[in-house]
Protein backbone atom coordinates (compact mmCIF):
# COMPACT_ATOMS: atom_id res chain seq x y z
CA MET A 1 4.18 31.16 -52.08
CA PRO A 2 4.05 27.59 -53.40
CA THR A 3 1.22 25.33 -52.37
CA PHE A 4 1.89 22.01 -50.79
CA THR A 5 0.62 18.85 -52.35
CA SER A 6 -1.56 16.43 -50.42
CA LYS A 7 0.68 13.58 -51.40
CA LYS A 8 2.57 12.09 -48.41
CA TYR A 9 6.33 11.93 -48.49
CA HIS A 10 7.56 8.33 -48.50
CA PRO A 11 11.15 8.00 -49.53
CA SER A 12 11.82 4.56 -50.90
CA ALA A 13 14.94 4.11 -48.75
CA LEU A 14 12.95 4.42 -45.49
CA GLN A 15 10.08 2.12 -46.49
CA ASN A 16 12.03 -1.06 -45.87
CA THR A 17 13.44 -0.22 -42.45
CA LEU A 18 12.50 -2.32 -39.44
CA GLY A 19 10.50 0.51 -37.87
CA ALA A 20 8.47 1.16 -41.02
CA ARG A 21 7.64 -2.52 -41.44
CA TYR A 22 6.64 -2.73 -37.75
CA ARG A 23 4.36 0.32 -38.04
CA ARG A 24 2.67 -1.09 -41.14
CA SER A 25 2.06 -4.49 -39.59
CA LEU A 26 1.00 -2.93 -36.24
CA SER A 27 -2.08 -1.47 -37.86
CA ARG A 28 -3.05 -4.96 -39.11
CA HIS A 29 -2.29 -6.96 -35.93
CA PRO A 30 -2.29 -4.61 -32.92
CA PHE A 31 -2.72 -7.19 -30.15
CA LEU A 32 -0.15 -9.60 -31.52
CA LEU A 33 2.54 -6.95 -31.98
CA PHE A 34 1.79 -4.62 -29.04
CA GLY A 35 -0.60 -6.15 -26.50
CA LEU A 36 0.95 -9.60 -26.22
CA PRO A 37 4.53 -8.36 -25.67
CA PHE A 38 3.23 -5.85 -23.12
CA ILE A 39 1.37 -8.49 -21.13
CA GLY A 40 4.36 -10.84 -21.42
CA THR A 41 6.68 -8.17 -20.03
CA ILE A 42 4.36 -7.58 -17.08
CA LEU A 43 4.13 -11.31 -16.29
CA ALA A 44 7.88 -11.87 -16.64
CA GLY A 45 8.57 -8.90 -14.37
CA SER A 46 6.22 -10.35 -11.78
CA PHE A 47 8.04 -13.69 -11.79
CA PHE A 48 11.49 -12.08 -11.65
CA LEU A 49 10.60 -9.60 -8.88
CA THR A 50 8.94 -12.14 -6.56
CA PRO A 51 12.24 -13.65 -5.26
CA ALA A 52 13.75 -10.18 -4.87
CA THR A 53 10.81 -9.05 -2.77
CA ALA A 54 10.95 -12.22 -0.66
CA LEU A 55 14.65 -11.62 -0.05
CA ARG A 56 13.93 -8.07 1.07
CA TYR A 57 11.33 -9.17 3.63
CA GLU A 58 13.51 -12.02 4.91
CA ARG A 59 16.37 -9.60 5.51
CA HIS A 60 13.99 -7.26 7.34
CA ASP A 61 12.71 -10.13 9.51
CA ARG A 62 16.26 -11.02 10.52
CA LYS A 63 16.82 -7.47 11.78
CA VAL A 64 13.65 -7.37 13.87
CA GLN A 65 14.10 -9.07 17.24
CA ARG A 66 11.39 -10.90 19.02
CA ILE A 67 10.67 -9.40 22.44
CA SER A 68 8.63 -10.77 25.28
CA GLN A 69 5.26 -9.38 26.29
CA GLU A 70 6.74 -7.82 29.43
CA GLU A 71 9.40 -5.97 27.43
CA ALA A 72 6.75 -4.77 25.00
CA MET A 73 4.74 -3.34 27.86
CA GLY A 74 7.79 -1.54 29.18
CA LEU A 75 8.18 -3.53 32.36
CA GLY A 76 11.76 -3.98 33.45
CA ARG A 77 13.32 -6.25 36.05
CA ASN A 78 12.60 -3.89 38.93
CA LYS A 79 8.91 -3.53 38.14
CA ARG A 80 6.24 -5.65 39.76
CA LYS A 81 4.55 -8.44 37.85
CA VAL A 82 1.06 -7.74 36.57
CA ASP A 83 -1.65 -10.27 37.30
CA LEU A 84 -5.05 -9.67 35.71
CA ASN A 85 -7.00 -11.15 38.61
CA GLU A 86 -5.10 -9.04 41.11
CA GLU A 87 -5.68 -5.87 39.08
CA TYR A 88 -9.39 -6.66 38.76
CA TYR A 89 -9.86 -7.10 42.48
CA ARG A 90 -7.76 -4.03 43.25
CA LEU A 91 -9.93 -1.86 40.99
CA ALA A 92 -13.14 -3.48 42.24
CA ALA A 93 -12.20 -2.65 45.83
CA LYS A 94 -12.29 1.08 45.11
CA ASP A 95 -15.37 2.91 46.28
CA LEU A 96 -17.39 3.46 43.13
CA ASP A 97 -20.71 4.27 44.80
CA ASP A 98 -20.22 7.99 45.43
CA TRP A 99 -19.67 9.25 41.89
CA GLU A 100 -21.76 12.02 40.43
CA GLN A 101 -22.71 12.53 36.80
CA LYS A 102 -21.81 15.99 35.50
CA ARG A 103 -23.00 17.52 32.27
CA ILE A 104 -20.52 19.35 30.08
CA ARG A 105 -21.22 22.55 28.21
CA ARG A 106 -22.10 21.89 24.56
CA PHE A 107 -21.11 23.94 21.54
CA LYS A 108 -23.57 26.50 20.26
CA GLY A 109 -26.27 24.80 18.18
CA GLU A 110 -25.27 21.27 19.24
CA PRO A 111 -28.11 19.17 20.75
CA ASP A 112 -27.49 18.31 24.36
CA GLY A 113 -29.72 15.24 24.55
CA ILE A 114 -32.39 16.75 26.80
CA LEU A 115 -35.88 15.99 25.53
């Protein structure tokens, strides 16, 4: 079996191609030839995608209708109007003096708060 030489194979026809020249110069100037175009692509994409995103949200906003607070609460035309003062006094008029505190059963090993 023949042994392979440690000499790298560089055909002279492929040394002057655009890719070979780029690879050689990339090792000398990595940021200039790789980092700067990458960052530039990201920034350009950001500026080009901003109007497209704005258009998307504007179209969505046109579809969404503004509804009143009563419609949001589910009150129709046949329902009574809700007044906060009236509801407060109606709830305050209930007899709240005869309630009794009841303890619930706790899970096994859970503290029940009794000292």
